Amino acid sequence: MARWLVVVVILALALGASVCAAQPGPPVTTRQWESVLNDWLAHGSFNERHSCAAAVVARTHAPPTYTEGTPLVHALDLYEIAVCLSPGDPSVITVGMSNREVANLAGVPVPWQSGPHSWRYRTPGAGRRIVFTSAGYVSEVQGITTGCCA
């Protein structure tokens, strides 16, 4: 009887985990991405744990205040690489996904070609441009064949 109970509990947990993974996640909040920037600005390093999605959104919001090559932007680039899926799969991105889902599935976008409302990804032979609404949801997915991601 105890074995069956253990099996039932394990199956219930596995089913619950797969259902949760399939549900969409909300966009990264301003508070979440600002905490990434504030953590580094306060300590000169990342002393707290931040999600991949929060790091990616923070990186896309850093410019123009913090430009390419500044210590904060460089630290964000390295932090994204450390905490995000690499390589991700931008081909699975669809309209309606949140910026959190995009970061978790596609990983780090091309930093110098991405901003708060548009992220670019390299894909074999081309690229993808993901356009976000101001609320943080994908409004458009574009294929890019030249000038992006050679």
Foldseek 3Di string as FASTA:
>chain_A
DVVVVVVVVVVVVVVVVVVVVPDADFADDPVQLVVQVVCCVVPVARPDDHALLSLQLNLQACPPVADPPDSSNVRSVVVQVVHFDPQADQVPDDFFGFSNVNCNRHGHFPRVPHHNAWGWHDDVQWIWIFGADPRGTTPDIDIGRDDDHD
